[in-house]
Amino acid sequence: MSSAAPQAGANSVNQEGLGALVLSRSMAVQVFLAFALAYFMSALIRAITATLSPTLRQEFSLTAGDLGLLAGGYFLGFALTQLPLGRWLDTYGPKRVILYFLSVAVAGCVAFALAPNFIGLLAARVLCGVGVSACLMAPLTAYRLWFKPESQLRANSWMLMTGSLGMVASTLPVQWLLPHVGWRWMFAGLALMVLMAMAVLVWRLPGAAPAPETKSNESLLAGYRDIWRHPYFRRHVWMGFFSYGGLLAMQTLWAGPWLVQVSGQTAGQAAMGLFWINVCMLGTFWIWGSINPSLSARGWHADALIARGLPISLLVLALICFQGAQVQWWHWALFCMGASFMSLAQPAVAMVFPKAQAGRALAAYNLV
């Protein structure tokens, strides 16, 4: 991964008033790996309830609606923070913001481990959603400030690959550990691992932050006015809402229950299926990161790739609806791989806006 002009002064700050650092190549790699560890933990925390759903359903007598609400609580906490998060990223910088948010994630994991009932589980999941809501937006903002455009495309895809690795860890490894340590101790362990990720971020991330905005007294929504009105952002809003949002919903919750309740598989078989779905997504995002710079250099930009690739996911989804009980894990893998074309929109949206608005542009898109 190349940096934004490899120079010796890794912590020097330019004169644009944005605090954008000039990173050496080795420093860029270290920054990426530090963020990747935090995002790995974010994805693991997000997806682990899909594997634990049979256990939680049995212990707390949960219905399918309860499971959906439990997953929705996570995303509710996640969504509520996006608009203030974007502004804080542009004002205080990625390092400071992600550390504050991860401290909430630690509290959320501890609360989930101690939850006595469904209400406790739900409140803890909301806290977890709030706590990890900066784990992708903070690094993408940092990459917009510190990396070249082609490196941003690669870093974005490889961050999502790291997220897929976290989801892989949430399947079979969790299924294997569950009888030995129980789900409560798992969440206690997640809290400790998030603390370790925070220590790595403190150690490896540059400390400089963007200067406060000129219009710091404007309202929160007014700070997003230019972003909401931008035609490129509007072009991607509904596709992001339905297609990218649909990918996250299926991958992190509904594929597992479908394999158990519709396809008639055991919990172990469903966990194995989720494992392979996430392995496929890991490979998909690795490939995107590898080929994106060369595709961009040849004129294959995000919009052209999305227009040609996204219909694949819709065709596969129609096939899934038609086949019903015959659906296997590879059907869901094909759906997710087809929907992954929408991941290219996120860095493309960020690059349309000035660096001073990078955090808000990314957070606004992430919100939908």
Protein backbone atom coordinates (compact mmCIF):
# COMPACT_ATOMS: atom_id res chain seq x y z
CA MET A 1 0.00 0.00 0.00
CA SER A 2 1.54 3.30 -1.00
CA SER A 3 1.26 6.44 1.08
CA ALA A 4 0.61 10.04 0.22
CA ALA A 5 4.20 10.86 -0.85
CA PRO A 6 6.74 8.71 1.00
CA GLN A 7 9.01 11.09 2.86
CA ALA A 8 11.21 10.81 5.90
CA GLY A 9 9.14 13.05 8.19
CA ALA A 10 6.35 10.62 9.00
CA ASN A 11 4.72 12.96 11.51
CA SER A 12 5.09 16.23 9.64
CA VAL A 13 1.93 18.23 9.01
CA ASN A 14 1.19 20.09 5.79
CA GLN A 15 0.14 23.72 5.57
CA GLU A 16 -3.41 23.18 4.28
CA GLY A 17 -4.89 23.61 7.75
CA LEU A 18 -6.23 20.07 7.68
CA GLY A 19 -3.59 18.26 9.69
CA ALA A 20 -3.09 15.83 6.80
CA LEU A 21 0.08 13.90 7.53
CA VAL A 22 2.81 12.90 5.12
CA LEU A 23 3.34 9.22 5.85
CA SER A 24 6.22 7.04 4.86
CA ARG A 25 5.29 3.71 3.29
CA SER A 26 6.15 1.76 6.45
CA MET A 27 4.16 4.18 8.59
CA ALA A 28 1.17 3.82 6.25
CA VAL A 29 1.29 0.03 6.65
CA GLN A 30 1.45 0.33 10.44
CA VAL A 31 -1.49 2.75 10.49
CA PHE A 32 -3.50 0.37 8.31
CA LEU A 33 -2.74 -2.63 10.53
CA ALA A 34 -3.65 -0.73 13.72
CA PHE A 35 -7.00 0.30 12.27
CA ALA A 36 -7.52 -3.18 10.82
CA LEU A 37 -7.25 -4.79 14.27
CA ALA A 38 -9.96 -2.48 15.61
CA TYR A 39 -12.19 -3.16 12.63
CA PHE A 40 -11.65 -6.90 13.00
CA MET A 41 -13.00 -6.60 16.54
CA SER A 42 -15.91 -4.48 15.32
CA ALA A 43 -16.94 -7.12 12.76
CA LEU A 44 -16.56 -9.93 15.29
CA ILE A 45 -18.80 -8.12 17.78
CA ARG A 46 -21.33 -7.33 15.05
CA ALA A 47 -21.64 -10.85 13.64
CA ILE A 48 -21.22 -13.04 16.70
CA THR A 49 -24.93 -12.98 17.57
CA ALA A 50 -25.74 -14.80 14.30
CA THR A 51 -23.78 -17.83 15.56
CA LEU A 52 -25.07 -17.44 19.12
CA SER A 53 -28.71 -17.03 18.05
CA PRO A 54 -29.72 -20.68 18.77
CA THR A 55 -28.17 -20.49 22.24
CA LEU A 56 -29.68 -17.09 23.05
CA ARG A 57 -33.04 -18.20 21.68
CA GLN A 58 -33.05 -21.23 24.00
CA GLU A 59 -31.72 -19.51 27.13
CA PHE A 60 -33.98 -16.43 26.94
CA SER A 61 -36.94 -17.98 25.00
CA LEU A 62 -36.46 -15.48 22.17
CA THR A 63 -38.69 -15.30 19.11
CA ALA A 64 -37.52 -14.51 15.58
CA GLY A 65 -38.77 -10.96 16.20
CA ASP A 66 -36.61 -10.73 19.34
CA LEU A 67 -33.55 -11.83 17.37
CA GLY A 68 -34.28 -9.25 14.69
CA LEU A 69 -34.69 -6.56 17.34
CA LEU A 70 -31.43 -7.62 18.97
CA ALA A 71 -29.59 -7.17 15.68
CA GLY A 72 -31.55 -3.99 15.01
CA GLY A 73 -30.54 -2.56 18.38
CA TYR A 74 -26.91 -2.85 17.37
CA PHE A 75 -27.52 -1.00 14.11
CA LEU A 76 -29.74 1.57 15.85
CA GLY A 77 -26.87 2.53 18.15
CA PHE A 78 -24.55 2.46 15.15
CA ALA A 79 -26.81 4.72 13.06
CA LEU A 80 -27.58 7.26 15.80
CA THR A 81 -23.92 8.21 16.09
CA GLN A 82 -23.07 8.61 12.40
CA LEU A 83 -23.89 12.31 11.91
CA PRO A 84 -22.11 13.57 15.05
CA LEU A 85 -19.32 11.06 14.36
CA GLY A 86 -18.64 12.56 10.92
CA ARG A 87 -18.40 16.05 12.34
CA TRP A 88 -16.15 14.96 15.18
CA LEU A 89 -13.84 13.16 12.74
CA ASP A 90 -13.45 16.36 10.71
CA THR A 91 -12.91 18.43 13.86
CA TYR A 92 -10.83 16.25 16.20
CA GLY A 93 -9.24 13.67 13.92
CA PRO A 94 -9.53 9.88 13.60
CA LYS A 95 -7.28 8.84 16.49
CA ARG A 96 -8.98 10.75 19.26
CA VAL A 97 -12.49 9.88 18.06
CA ILE A 98 -12.00 6.13 17.62
CA LEU A 99 -10.45 5.76 21.08
CA TYR A 100 -13.40 7.46 22.77
CA PHE A 101 -15.87 5.31 20.89
CA LEU A 102 -14.06 2.04 21.58
CA SER A 103 -14.27 2.73 25.31
CA VAL A 104 -18.07 2.56 24.88
CA ALA A 105 -17.67 -0.76 23.03
CA VAL A 106 -15.82 -2.17 26.03
CA ALA A 107 -18.72 -1.16 28.27
CA GLY A 108 -21.19 -2.71 25.81
CA CYS A 109 -19.39 -6.07 25.78
CA VAL A 110 -19.23 -6.16 29.57
CA ALA A 111 -22.94 -5.26 29.80
CA PHE A 112 -23.84 -8.05 27.35
CA ALA A 113 -21.84 -10.56 29.36
CA LEU A 114 -23.75 -9.58 32.51
CA ALA A 115 -27.22 -9.19 30.94
CA PRO A 116 -29.94 -10.92 33.05
CA ASN A 117 -32.71 -10.78 30.43
CA PHE A 118 -33.63 -9.75 26.90
CA ILE A 119 -33.89 -6.04 27.79
CA GLY A 120 -30.34 -6.20 29.15
CA LEU A 121 -29.13 -7.89 25.99
CA LEU A 122 -30.82 -5.26 23.83
CA ALA A 123 -29.41 -2.31 25.80
CA ALA A 124 -25.94 -3.85 25.64
CA ARG A 125 -26.19 -4.34 21.87
CA VAL A 126 -27.13 -0.68 21.44
CA LEU A 127 -24.01 0.24 23.44
CA CYS A 128 -21.90 -2.09 21.29
CA GLY A 129 -23.28 -0.47 18.15
CA VAL A 130 -22.40 2.99 19.42
CA GLY A 131 -18.95 1.85 20.51
CA VAL A 132 -17.80 0.31 17.23
CA SER A 133 -19.49 2.86 14.96
CA ALA A 134 -16.18 4.66 14.33
CA CYS A 135 -14.16 1.54 13.52
CA LEU A 136 -14.57 1.92 9.75
CA MET A 137 -15.28 5.63 9.40
CA ALA A 138 -12.20 6.69 11.38
CA PRO A 139 -9.74 4.71 9.20
CA LEU A 140 -11.45 5.70 5.95
CA THR A 141 -11.24 9.35 7.02
CA ALA A 142 -7.56 8.86 7.85
CA TYR A 143 -6.92 7.26 4.46
CA ARG A 144 -8.66 10.18 2.72
CA LEU A 145 -6.35 12.56 4.57
CA TRP A 146 -3.12 10.58 4.30
CA PHE A 147 -3.21 8.25 1.26
CA LYS A 148 -3.27 8.67 -2.51
CA PRO A 149 -6.63 8.04 -4.28
CA GLU A 150 -5.57 4.65 -5.63
CA SER A 151 -4.33 3.65 -2.19
CA GLN A 152 -7.66 4.68 -0.67
CA LEU A 153 -9.49 2.23 -2.95
CA ARG A 154 -7.13 -0.57 -1.95
CA ALA A 155 -7.18 0.29 1.75
CA ASN A 156 -10.99 0.45 1.75
CA SER A 157 -11.36 -3.01 0.19
CA TRP A 158 -8.73 -4.53 2.46
CA MET A 159 -10.42 -3.01 5.50
CA LEU A 160 -13.61 -4.78 4.44
CA MET A 161 -11.53 -7.94 3.98
CA THR A 162 -10.43 -7.52 7.60
CA GLY A 163 -14.09 -7.21 8.55
CA SER A 164 -14.80 -10.46 6.72
CA LEU A 165 -12.00 -12.07 8.70
CA GLY A 166 -13.75 -10.92 11.88
CA MET A 167 -16.97 -12.47 10.62
CA VAL A 168 -15.13 -15.72 9.86
CA ALA A 169 -13.91 -15.67 13.46
CA SER A 170 -17.53 -15.24 14.60
CA THR A 171 -18.63 -18.57 13.07
CA LEU A 172 -16.84 -21.88 13.61
CA PRO A 173 -14.35 -20.61 16.21
CA VAL A 174 -17.25 -19.28 18.28
CA GLN A 175 -19.20 -22.52 17.77
CA TRP A 176 -16.18 -24.52 18.97
CA LEU A 177 -15.54 -22.32 22.01
CA LEU A 178 -19.17 -22.02 23.10
CA PRO A 179 -19.44 -25.37 24.99
CA HIS A 180 -16.14 -24.74 26.78
CA VAL A 181 -16.38 -21.12 27.93
CA GLY A 182 -20.01 -20.08 27.41
CA TRP A 183 -21.27 -16.99 25.64
CA ARG A 184 -20.93 -14.71 28.67
CA TRP A 185 -17.20 -15.32 29.03
CA MET A 186 -16.85 -14.84 25.29
CA PHE A 187 -18.13 -11.28 25.62
CA ALA A 188 -15.85 -10.66 28.60
CA GLY A 189 -12.99 -11.80 26.36
CA LEU A 190 -14.17 -9.47 23.60
CA ALA A 191 -13.98 -6.55 26.04
CA LEU A 192 -10.35 -7.40 26.81
CA MET A 193 -9.51 -7.74 23.11
CA VAL A 194 -11.01 -4.31 22.37
CA LEU A 195 -8.81 -2.84 25.12
CA MET A 196 -5.81 -4.43 23.40
CA ALA A 197 -6.86 -2.89 20.07
CA MET A 198 -7.09 0.51 21.77
CA ALA A 199 -3.56 0.12 23.09
CA VAL A 200 -2.28 -0.63 19.58
CA LEU A 201 -4.05 2.46 18.21
CA VAL A 202 -2.50 4.66 20.91
CA TRP A 203 0.91 3.19 20.10
CA ARG A 204 0.90 3.33 16.30
CA LEU A 205 -1.40 6.16 15.12
CA PRO A 206 -0.02 9.65 14.49
CA GLY A 207 -1.29 12.14 17.01
CA ALA A 208 -1.97 15.22 14.87
CA ALA A 209 -5.61 16.09 14.25
CA PRO A 210 -7.38 18.31 11.75
CA ALA A 211 -7.90 21.90 12.80
CA PRO A 212 -11.42 22.87 13.88
CA GLU A 213 -13.75 23.84 11.07
CA THR A 214 -14.27 27.47 10.16
CA LYS A 215 -18.05 27.10 10.57
CA SER A 216 -17.85 25.29 13.90
CA ASN A 217 -20.94 27.13 15.24
CA GLU A 218 -23.33 25.85 12.58
CA SER A 219 -25.88 23.21 13.51
CA LEU A 220 -25.18 19.51 13.08
CA LEU A 221 -27.53 19.10 10.11
CA ALA A 222 -26.35 22.34 8.49
CA GLY A 223 -22.84 20.89 8.47
CA TYR A 224 -24.13 18.17 6.13
CA ARG A 225 -26.02 20.49 3.77
CA ASP A 226 -23.43 20.40 0.98
CA ILE A 227 -23.17 16.62 1.23
CA TRP A 228 -26.93 15.94 1.10
CA ARG A 229 -27.27 18.23 -1.91
CA HIS A 230 -24.40 16.83 -3.93
CA PRO A 231 -25.71 14.99 -7.02
CA TYR A 232 -23.13 12.20 -6.75
CA PHE A 233 -24.09 11.51 -3.15
CA ARG A 234 -27.80 11.47 -4.05
CA ARG A 235 -27.12 9.06 -6.90
CA HIS A 236 -25.77 6.48 -4.46
CA VAL A 237 -28.07 6.98 -1.46
CA TRP A 238 -30.84 4.53 -2.36
CA MET A 239 -28.52 1.89 -3.76
CA GLY A 240 -26.53 2.11 -0.53
CA PHE A 241 -29.69 1.86 1.56
CA PHE A 242 -31.17 -1.19 -0.16
CA SER A 243 -28.22 -3.05 -1.66
CA TYR A 244 -25.40 -2.42 0.82
CA GLY A 245 -27.82 -2.41 3.75
CA GLY A 246 -29.34 -5.64 2.45
CA LEU A 247 -25.91 -7.24 2.24
CA LEU A 248 -25.18 -6.39 5.88
CA ALA A 249 -28.59 -7.63 7.03
CA MET A 250 -28.28 -10.99 5.29
CA GLN A 251 -24.61 -11.58 6.09
CA THR A 252 -24.75 -10.63 9.76
CA LEU A 253 -28.14 -12.03 10.77
CA TRP A 254 -30.59 -13.68 8.41
CA ALA A 255 -28.43 -16.13 6.45
CA GLY A 256 -27.87 -18.21 9.60
CA PRO A 257 -31.53 -18.47 10.65
CA TRP A 258 -32.50 -19.22 7.03
CA LEU A 259 -30.12 -22.19 6.92
CA VAL A 260 -31.55 -23.51 10.22
CA GLN A 261 -35.27 -22.73 9.96
CA VAL A 262 -35.86 -22.85 6.19
CA SER A 263 -33.19 -25.23 4.90
CA GLY A 264 -33.47 -27.50 7.96
CA GLN A 265 -29.78 -27.54 8.92
CA THR A 266 -28.39 -27.99 12.44
CA ALA A 267 -26.79 -25.10 14.30
CA GLY A 268 -23.36 -26.62 13.60
CA GLN A 269 -24.08 -26.93 9.88
CA ALA A 270 -25.33 -23.34 9.76
CA ALA A 271 -22.17 -22.14 11.53
CA MET A 272 -20.11 -24.00 8.95
CA GLY A 273 -22.16 -22.35 6.20
CA LEU A 274 -21.63 -18.89 7.71
CA PHE A 275 -17.93 -19.68 7.95
CA TRP A 276 -17.69 -20.35 4.22
CA ILE A 277 -19.86 -17.36 3.33
CA ASN A 278 -17.47 -15.10 5.19
CA VAL A 279 -14.41 -16.84 3.74
CA CYS A 280 -15.84 -16.09 0.29
CA MET A 281 -16.33 -12.45 1.24
CA LEU A 282 -12.80 -12.28 2.64
CA GLY A 283 -11.45 -13.48 -0.69
CA THR A 284 -13.75 -11.12 -2.60
CA PHE A 285 -12.53 -8.03 -0.77
CA TRP A 286 -8.90 -9.16 -1.08
CA ILE A 287 -9.39 -9.38 -4.84
CA TRP A 288 -11.07 -5.96 -4.95
CA GLY A 289 -8.14 -4.42 -3.08
CA SER A 290 -5.65 -6.09 -5.40
CA ILE A 291 -7.27 -5.08 -8.68
CA ASN A 292 -8.93 -1.74 -7.87
CA PRO A 293 -5.89 0.48 -8.57
CA SER A 294 -5.27 -1.11 -11.98
CA LEU A 295 -8.99 -1.01 -12.87
CA SER A 296 -9.14 2.67 -11.93
CA ALA A 297 -6.04 3.41 -14.02
CA ARG A 298 -7.74 1.81 -17.03
CA GLY A 299 -10.88 3.90 -16.64
CA TRP A 300 -13.03 1.32 -14.83
CA HIS A 301 -14.32 3.52 -12.07
CA ALA A 302 -16.75 2.64 -9.26
CA ASP A 303 -19.94 3.64 -11.10
CA ALA A 304 -19.20 1.48 -14.15
CA LEU A 305 -18.32 -1.55 -12.02
CA ILE A 306 -21.42 -1.17 -9.84
CA ALA A 307 -23.72 -0.85 -12.85
CA ARG A 308 -22.38 -4.10 -14.34
CA GLY A 309 -21.92 -6.14 -11.17
CA LEU A 310 -24.77 -5.27 -8.82
CA PRO A 311 -27.53 -6.98 -10.88
CA ILE A 312 -25.79 -10.30 -10.09
CA SER A 313 -26.89 -10.05 -6.46
CA LEU A 314 -30.50 -9.33 -7.44
CA LEU A 315 -30.63 -12.36 -9.73
CA VAL A 316 -29.20 -14.59 -7.00
CA LEU A 317 -31.66 -13.20 -4.45
CA ALA A 318 -34.53 -14.04 -6.81
CA LEU A 319 -33.14 -17.57 -7.10
CA ILE A 320 -32.97 -17.86 -3.28
CA CYS A 321 -36.62 -16.81 -2.97
CA PHE A 322 -37.61 -19.36 -5.61
CA GLN A 323 -35.65 -22.32 -4.18
CA GLY A 324 -36.54 -21.79 -0.51
CA ALA A 325 -35.66 -24.93 1.46
CA GLN A 326 -33.14 -26.05 -1.18
CA VAL A 327 -30.95 -23.02 -0.54
CA GLN A 328 -27.40 -23.81 0.67
CA TRP A 329 -24.64 -21.59 2.03
CA TRP A 330 -23.16 -21.03 -1.42
CA HIS A 331 -26.37 -19.34 -2.59
CA TRP A 332 -25.93 -16.74 0.14
CA ALA A 333 -22.22 -16.47 -0.66
CA LEU A 334 -23.03 -15.66 -4.29
CA PHE A 335 -25.56 -13.04 -3.18
CA CYS A 336 -23.05 -11.38 -0.86
CA MET A 337 -20.27 -11.45 -3.45
CA GLY A 338 -22.56 -9.83 -6.02
CA ALA A 339 -23.64 -7.15 -3.53
CA SER A 340 -19.98 -6.40 -2.72
CA PHE A 341 -19.83 -4.18 -5.81
CA MET A 342 -21.60 -1.53 -3.71
CA SER A 343 -18.58 -1.37 -1.40
CA LEU A 344 -16.77 0.52 -4.16
CA ALA A 345 -19.13 3.47 -3.70
CA GLN A 346 -17.89 4.35 -0.22
CA PRO A 347 -14.37 5.57 -1.09
CA ALA A 348 -15.72 7.03 -4.35
CA VAL A 349 -18.17 9.20 -2.41
CA ALA A 350 -15.41 10.35 -0.04
CA MET A 351 -13.11 11.38 -2.89
CA VAL A 352 -15.77 13.62 -4.43
CA PHE A 353 -15.60 15.94 -1.41
CA PRO A 354 -12.70 18.03 -0.01
CA LYS A 355 -10.56 16.47 2.70
CA ALA A 356 -12.09 18.83 5.28
CA GLN A 357 -15.46 17.11 4.70
CA ALA A 358 -14.18 13.54 4.45
CA GLY A 359 -15.51 12.40 7.81
CA ARG A 360 -18.99 13.80 7.18
CA ALA A 361 -19.20 12.43 3.63
CA LEU A 362 -18.25 8.94 4.78
CA ALA A 363 -20.51 9.02 7.83
CA ALA A 364 -23.49 10.29 5.82
CA TYR A 365 -23.14 7.41 3.37
CA ASN A 366 -22.54 4.93 6.18
CA LEU A 367 -25.73 6.15 7.87
CA VAL A 368 -27.90 5.03 4.94
